[in-house]
N, C-alpha and C. Protein backbone atom coordinates (compact mmCIF):
# COMPACT_ATOMS: atom_id res chain seq x y z
N GLN A 1 0.84 -1.19 0.00
CA GLN A 1 0.00 0.00 0.00
C GLN A 1 0.88 1.25 0.00
N VAL A 2 0.49 2.21 -0.81
CA VAL A 2 1.21 3.47 -0.87
C VAL A 2 0.73 4.39 0.24
N GLN A 3 1.65 5.06 0.87
CA GLN A 3 1.33 6.10 1.85
C GLN A 3 2.03 7.38 1.44
N LEU A 4 1.36 8.51 1.73
CA LEU A 4 1.90 9.81 1.36
C LEU A 4 2.23 10.60 2.61
N VAL A 5 3.34 11.31 2.55
CA VAL A 5 3.75 12.15 3.67
C VAL A 5 4.10 13.53 3.13
N GLU A 6 3.37 14.55 3.64
CA GLU A 6 3.64 15.93 3.23
C GLU A 6 4.60 16.59 4.21
N SER A 7 5.30 17.59 3.73
CA SER A 7 6.16 18.40 4.58
C SER A 7 6.29 19.78 3.97
N GLY A 8 6.77 20.72 4.78
CA GLY A 8 7.06 22.05 4.26
C GLY A 8 6.10 23.13 4.68
N GLY A 9 5.04 22.77 5.38
CA GLY A 9 4.10 23.79 5.82
C GLY A 9 4.70 24.67 6.91
N GLY A 10 3.99 25.77 7.20
CA GLY A 10 4.47 26.65 8.24
C GLY A 10 3.82 28.01 8.17
N LEU A 11 4.39 28.95 8.89
CA LEU A 11 3.89 30.31 8.94
C LEU A 11 4.71 31.19 8.00
N VAL A 12 4.02 31.98 7.20
CA VAL A 12 4.70 32.85 6.25
C VAL A 12 3.94 34.16 6.16
N GLN A 13 4.65 35.24 5.89
CA GLN A 13 4.01 36.54 5.76
C GLN A 13 3.40 36.70 4.38
N PRO A 14 2.40 37.54 4.26
CA PRO A 14 1.85 37.82 2.93
C PRO A 14 2.93 38.28 1.97
N GLY A 15 2.87 37.75 0.75
CA GLY A 15 3.90 38.05 -0.24
C GLY A 15 5.06 37.11 -0.22
N GLY A 16 5.12 36.26 0.79
CA GLY A 16 6.22 35.31 0.92
C GLY A 16 6.03 34.06 0.09
N SER A 17 6.98 33.15 0.23
CA SER A 17 6.98 31.91 -0.54
C SER A 17 7.17 30.71 0.38
N LEU A 18 6.69 29.59 -0.09
CA LEU A 18 6.81 28.33 0.65
C LEU A 18 6.76 27.20 -0.37
N THR A 19 7.50 26.14 -0.09
CA THR A 19 7.45 24.96 -0.96
C THR A 19 7.02 23.75 -0.15
N LEU A 20 5.96 23.11 -0.60
CA LEU A 20 5.48 21.88 0.01
C LEU A 20 6.01 20.68 -0.76
N SER A 21 6.23 19.61 -0.03
CA SER A 21 6.71 18.38 -0.64
C SER A 21 5.83 17.22 -0.21
N CYS A 22 5.65 16.28 -1.10
CA CYS A 22 4.86 15.08 -0.78
C CYS A 22 5.60 13.88 -1.35
N ALA A 23 5.89 12.92 -0.50
CA ALA A 23 6.62 11.74 -0.92
C ALA A 23 5.78 10.49 -0.69
N ALA A 24 5.83 9.59 -1.65
CA ALA A 24 5.08 8.33 -1.55
C ALA A 24 6.01 7.20 -1.13
N SER A 25 5.56 6.44 -0.16
CA SER A 25 6.27 5.23 0.21
C SER A 25 5.58 4.04 -0.43
N GLY A 26 6.21 2.90 -0.43
CA GLY A 26 5.63 1.74 -1.09
C GLY A 26 6.18 1.63 -2.50
N ASN A 27 5.66 0.74 -3.27
CA ASN A 27 6.18 0.48 -4.61
C ASN A 27 5.03 0.32 -5.59
N PRO A 28 4.38 1.43 -5.94
CA PRO A 28 3.26 1.30 -6.86
C PRO A 28 3.70 0.92 -8.26
N PHE A 29 2.82 0.32 -9.00
CA PHE A 29 3.11 0.01 -10.40
C PHE A 29 3.27 1.30 -11.19
N GLY A 30 2.47 2.30 -10.84
CA GLY A 30 2.56 3.60 -11.48
C GLY A 30 1.75 4.64 -10.75
N ILE A 31 2.01 5.88 -11.03
CA ILE A 31 1.23 6.99 -10.49
C ILE A 31 0.69 7.78 -11.66
N LEU A 32 -0.62 7.82 -11.77
CA LEU A 32 -1.27 8.42 -12.94
C LEU A 32 -1.41 9.93 -12.78
N ARG A 33 -1.57 10.36 -11.55
CA ARG A 33 -1.80 11.78 -11.31
C ARG A 33 -1.34 12.12 -9.91
N MET A 34 -0.69 13.27 -9.80
CA MET A 34 -0.30 13.83 -8.50
C MET A 34 -1.04 15.15 -8.35
N SER A 35 -1.61 15.37 -7.18
CA SER A 35 -2.43 16.56 -7.01
C SER A 35 -2.21 17.17 -5.62
N TRP A 36 -2.54 18.44 -5.54
CA TRP A 36 -2.61 19.13 -4.26
C TRP A 36 -4.02 19.69 -4.08
N TYR A 37 -4.55 19.52 -2.90
CA TYR A 37 -5.82 20.10 -2.51
C TYR A 37 -5.57 20.92 -1.23
N ARG A 38 -6.55 21.73 -0.89
CA ARG A 38 -6.44 22.46 0.37
C ARG A 38 -7.82 22.64 0.99
N GLN A 39 -7.82 22.81 2.29
CA GLN A 39 -9.07 23.04 3.01
C GLN A 39 -8.84 24.14 4.02
N ALA A 40 -9.51 25.25 3.79
CA ALA A 40 -9.43 26.38 4.70
C ALA A 40 -10.44 26.19 5.83
N PRO A 41 -10.23 26.85 6.97
CA PRO A 41 -11.16 26.71 8.09
C PRO A 41 -12.59 27.05 7.69
N GLY A 42 -13.50 26.14 7.98
CA GLY A 42 -14.90 26.37 7.69
C GLY A 42 -15.30 26.21 6.24
N LYS A 43 -14.38 25.75 5.41
CA LYS A 43 -14.67 25.60 3.98
C LYS A 43 -14.45 24.16 3.54
N GLU A 44 -14.97 23.85 2.36
CA GLU A 44 -14.80 22.53 1.80
C GLU A 44 -13.40 22.40 1.17
N ARG A 45 -12.96 21.17 1.07
CA ARG A 45 -11.68 20.91 0.42
C ARG A 45 -11.79 21.28 -1.06
N GLU A 46 -10.76 21.94 -1.59
CA GLU A 46 -10.78 22.37 -2.98
C GLU A 46 -9.48 21.97 -3.67
N LEU A 47 -9.59 21.79 -4.97
CA LEU A 47 -8.42 21.45 -5.77
C LEU A 47 -7.51 22.65 -5.91
N VAL A 48 -6.22 22.43 -5.80
CA VAL A 48 -5.22 23.46 -6.05
C VAL A 48 -4.56 23.23 -7.40
N ALA A 49 -4.03 22.02 -7.62
CA ALA A 49 -3.31 21.74 -8.86
C ALA A 49 -3.23 20.23 -9.10
N HIS A 50 -3.21 19.89 -10.39
CA HIS A 50 -2.97 18.52 -10.83
C HIS A 50 -1.67 18.48 -11.61
N ARG A 51 -0.94 17.36 -11.51
CA ARG A 51 0.12 17.04 -12.46
C ARG A 51 -0.11 15.61 -12.94
N PHE A 52 -0.37 15.47 -14.24
CA PHE A 52 -0.64 14.16 -14.80
C PHE A 52 0.66 13.49 -15.22
N SER A 53 0.60 12.18 -15.42
CA SER A 53 1.80 11.42 -15.77
C SER A 53 2.39 11.89 -17.09
N SER A 54 1.57 12.51 -17.93
CA SER A 54 2.06 13.05 -19.21
C SER A 54 2.92 14.29 -19.02
N GLY A 55 2.82 14.87 -17.83
CA GLY A 55 3.53 16.12 -17.56
C GLY A 55 2.60 17.33 -17.59
N ARG A 56 1.39 17.12 -18.09
CA ARG A 56 0.43 18.23 -18.15
C ARG A 56 0.02 18.64 -16.74
N THR A 57 -0.12 19.94 -16.55
CA THR A 57 -0.52 20.48 -15.26
C THR A 57 -1.75 21.36 -15.42
N THR A 58 -2.57 21.41 -14.39
CA THR A 58 -3.70 22.32 -14.34
C THR A 58 -3.75 22.97 -12.96
N TYR A 59 -4.32 24.15 -12.90
CA TYR A 59 -4.37 24.92 -11.66
C TYR A 59 -5.75 25.52 -11.46
N SER A 60 -6.12 25.72 -10.21
CA SER A 60 -7.33 26.47 -9.94
C SER A 60 -7.06 27.94 -10.27
N ASP A 61 -8.11 28.65 -10.58
CA ASP A 61 -7.95 30.06 -10.95
C ASP A 61 -7.35 30.87 -9.81
N SER A 62 -7.64 30.46 -8.59
CA SER A 62 -7.19 31.26 -7.44
C SER A 62 -5.67 31.20 -7.23
N VAL A 63 -5.01 30.19 -7.80
CA VAL A 63 -3.56 30.07 -7.59
C VAL A 63 -2.77 30.18 -8.88
N LYS A 64 -3.46 30.22 -10.00
CA LYS A 64 -2.77 30.26 -11.29
C LYS A 64 -1.83 31.46 -11.36
N GLY A 65 -0.61 31.20 -11.80
CA GLY A 65 0.38 32.26 -11.91
C GLY A 65 1.19 32.47 -10.63
N ARG A 66 0.74 31.88 -9.53
CA ARG A 66 1.46 32.04 -8.26
C ARG A 66 2.04 30.71 -7.76
N PHE A 67 1.35 29.61 -8.03
CA PHE A 67 1.77 28.29 -7.57
C PHE A 67 2.26 27.46 -8.76
N THR A 68 3.21 26.57 -8.48
CA THR A 68 3.72 25.67 -9.49
C THR A 68 3.83 24.26 -8.92
N ILE A 69 3.21 23.30 -9.61
CA ILE A 69 3.32 21.90 -9.21
C ILE A 69 4.36 21.24 -10.10
N SER A 70 5.21 20.42 -9.49
CA SER A 70 6.26 19.77 -10.27
C SER A 70 6.69 18.49 -9.57
N ARG A 71 7.37 17.65 -10.33
CA ARG A 71 7.91 16.44 -9.74
C ARG A 71 9.18 16.79 -8.97
N GLY A 72 9.35 16.12 -7.85
CA GLY A 72 10.57 16.29 -7.10
C GLY A 72 11.69 15.44 -7.68
N ASN A 73 12.90 15.65 -7.21
CA ASN A 73 14.03 14.87 -7.69
C ASN A 73 13.94 13.41 -7.25
N ALA A 74 13.40 13.18 -6.07
CA ALA A 74 13.25 11.81 -5.59
C ALA A 74 12.07 11.15 -6.31
N LYS A 75 12.13 9.87 -6.44
CA LYS A 75 11.08 9.13 -7.12
C LYS A 75 9.76 9.28 -6.39
N ASN A 76 8.69 9.42 -7.14
CA ASN A 76 7.34 9.49 -6.57
C ASN A 76 7.19 10.62 -5.56
N THR A 77 7.76 11.77 -5.90
CA THR A 77 7.66 12.96 -5.07
C THR A 77 7.09 14.11 -5.89
N VAL A 78 6.23 14.88 -5.26
CA VAL A 78 5.67 16.05 -5.93
C VAL A 78 5.86 17.27 -5.04
N LEU A 79 6.12 18.41 -5.68
CA LEU A 79 6.33 19.66 -4.98
C LEU A 79 5.23 20.64 -5.33
N LEU A 80 4.99 21.58 -4.44
CA LEU A 80 4.11 22.70 -4.72
C LEU A 80 4.86 23.96 -4.30
N GLN A 81 5.34 24.69 -5.28
CA GLN A 81 6.02 25.96 -5.03
C GLN A 81 4.95 27.05 -4.97
N MET A 82 4.87 27.74 -3.85
CA MET A 82 3.84 28.76 -3.65
C MET A 82 4.52 30.11 -3.48
N ASN A 83 4.23 31.01 -4.39
CA ASN A 83 4.81 32.36 -4.36
C ASN A 83 3.72 33.40 -4.16
N ASN A 84 4.14 34.57 -3.71
CA ASN A 84 3.21 35.69 -3.54
C ASN A 84 1.97 35.26 -2.75
N LEU A 85 2.20 34.64 -1.62
CA LEU A 85 1.11 34.10 -0.81
C LEU A 85 0.25 35.22 -0.26
N ILE A 86 -1.04 34.94 -0.19
CA ILE A 86 -2.02 35.88 0.35
C ILE A 86 -2.74 35.23 1.53
N LEU A 87 -3.46 36.05 2.30
CA LEU A 87 -4.13 35.55 3.50
C LEU A 87 -5.07 34.39 3.17
N GLU A 88 -5.69 34.47 2.01
CA GLU A 88 -6.68 33.46 1.62
C GLU A 88 -6.05 32.11 1.28
N ASP A 89 -4.73 32.05 1.23
CA ASP A 89 -4.06 30.77 0.99
C ASP A 89 -3.91 29.95 2.26
N THR A 90 -4.27 30.53 3.40
CA THR A 90 -4.20 29.80 4.66
C THR A 90 -5.13 28.60 4.63
N ALA A 91 -4.55 27.42 4.85
CA ALA A 91 -5.33 26.19 4.77
C ALA A 91 -4.45 25.00 5.15
N VAL A 92 -5.09 23.87 5.34
CA VAL A 92 -4.36 22.61 5.40
C VAL A 92 -4.24 22.09 3.96
N TYR A 93 -3.03 21.80 3.55
CA TYR A 93 -2.77 21.34 2.19
C TYR A 93 -2.55 19.83 2.20
N TYR A 94 -3.24 19.17 1.29
CA TYR A 94 -3.19 17.71 1.18
C TYR A 94 -2.67 17.31 -0.19
N CYS A 95 -1.78 16.34 -0.23
CA CYS A 95 -1.44 15.77 -1.53
C CYS A 95 -2.30 14.53 -1.76
N ASN A 96 -2.51 14.26 -3.01
CA ASN A 96 -3.37 13.15 -3.42
C ASN A 96 -2.78 12.52 -4.67
N PHE A 97 -2.57 11.22 -4.64
CA PHE A 97 -2.05 10.51 -5.80
C PHE A 97 -3.11 9.53 -6.31
N GLN A 98 -3.25 9.46 -7.60
CA GLN A 98 -4.03 8.37 -8.19
C GLN A 98 -3.02 7.27 -8.54
N VAL A 99 -3.10 6.18 -7.79
CA VAL A 99 -2.08 5.14 -7.85
C VAL A 99 -2.58 3.97 -8.67
N ASP A 100 -1.71 3.49 -9.53
CA ASP A 100 -1.99 2.30 -10.34
C ASP A 100 -1.28 1.12 -9.68
N TYR A 101 -2.08 0.18 -9.18
CA TYR A 101 -1.51 -1.01 -8.56
C TYR A 101 -1.44 -2.17 -9.53
N GLU A 102 -1.69 -1.92 -10.77
CA GLU A 102 -1.70 -2.89 -11.87
C GLU A 102 -2.96 -3.75 -11.83
N VAL A 103 -3.40 -4.10 -10.65
CA VAL A 103 -4.66 -4.86 -10.53
C VAL A 103 -5.83 -3.94 -10.28
N GLY A 104 -5.55 -2.67 -10.16
CA GLY A 104 -6.61 -1.70 -9.93
C GLY A 104 -6.02 -0.35 -9.59
N TYR A 105 -6.93 0.63 -9.40
CA TYR A 105 -6.49 2.00 -9.09
C TYR A 105 -7.00 2.40 -7.71
N ASP A 106 -6.36 3.40 -7.14
CA ASP A 106 -6.81 3.90 -5.86
C ASP A 106 -6.38 5.34 -5.70
N ASP A 107 -7.19 6.10 -4.99
CA ASP A 107 -6.86 7.46 -4.60
C ASP A 107 -6.25 7.42 -3.21
N VAL A 108 -5.05 7.96 -3.07
CA VAL A 108 -4.36 7.96 -1.78
C VAL A 108 -4.15 9.39 -1.33
N TRP A 109 -4.41 9.65 -0.05
CA TRP A 109 -4.29 10.99 0.53
C TRP A 109 -3.20 11.03 1.59
N GLY A 110 -2.53 12.18 1.66
CA GLY A 110 -1.62 12.43 2.76
C GLY A 110 -2.38 12.94 3.96
N GLN A 111 -1.65 13.18 5.05
CA GLN A 111 -2.29 13.59 6.31
C GLN A 111 -2.51 15.09 6.37
N GLY A 112 -1.90 15.82 5.47
CA GLY A 112 -2.08 17.27 5.44
C GLY A 112 -0.96 18.01 6.14
N THR A 113 -0.69 19.21 5.64
CA THR A 113 0.30 20.08 6.28
C THR A 113 -0.28 21.50 6.30
N LEU A 114 -0.16 22.17 7.42
CA LEU A 114 -0.80 23.47 7.62
C LEU A 114 0.07 24.59 7.08
N VAL A 115 -0.55 25.44 6.28
CA VAL A 115 0.09 26.66 5.80
C VAL A 115 -0.70 27.84 6.36
N THR A 116 -0.02 28.71 7.07
CA THR A 116 -0.66 29.89 7.64
C THR A 116 0.02 31.13 7.07
N VAL A 117 -0.79 31.96 6.42
CA VAL A 117 -0.28 33.22 5.89
C VAL A 117 -0.80 34.34 6.79
N SER A 118 0.13 35.01 7.44
CA SER A 118 -0.27 36.02 8.42
C SER A 118 0.86 37.01 8.62
N SER A 119 0.48 38.26 8.88
CA SER A 119 1.49 39.28 9.18
C SER A 119 1.68 39.40 10.69
């Protein structure tokens, strides 16, 4: 079974930058999609960005131009580079992988990492 572990959250001032990392343990047959979601206090979880196995990326309108999703140097790792952070980016950020186990697929979630944007 694949497990995901996020890191890199913390407190940052408005206009600052932060990079989140998510690493998968286990040995999946493949990873079809790597994604980041976030959930702000009192709100529903929302999509931040997808990175598909083809390399194609998509972003929510609220982060487009400020956030970048990319593969990390380590195998089965995804990064979220967040620039020009605003107060509204405060949330728990979750990574999500669509994992191919060869005998089937599964959505796997990390435990979340808190990002707080505050002056």
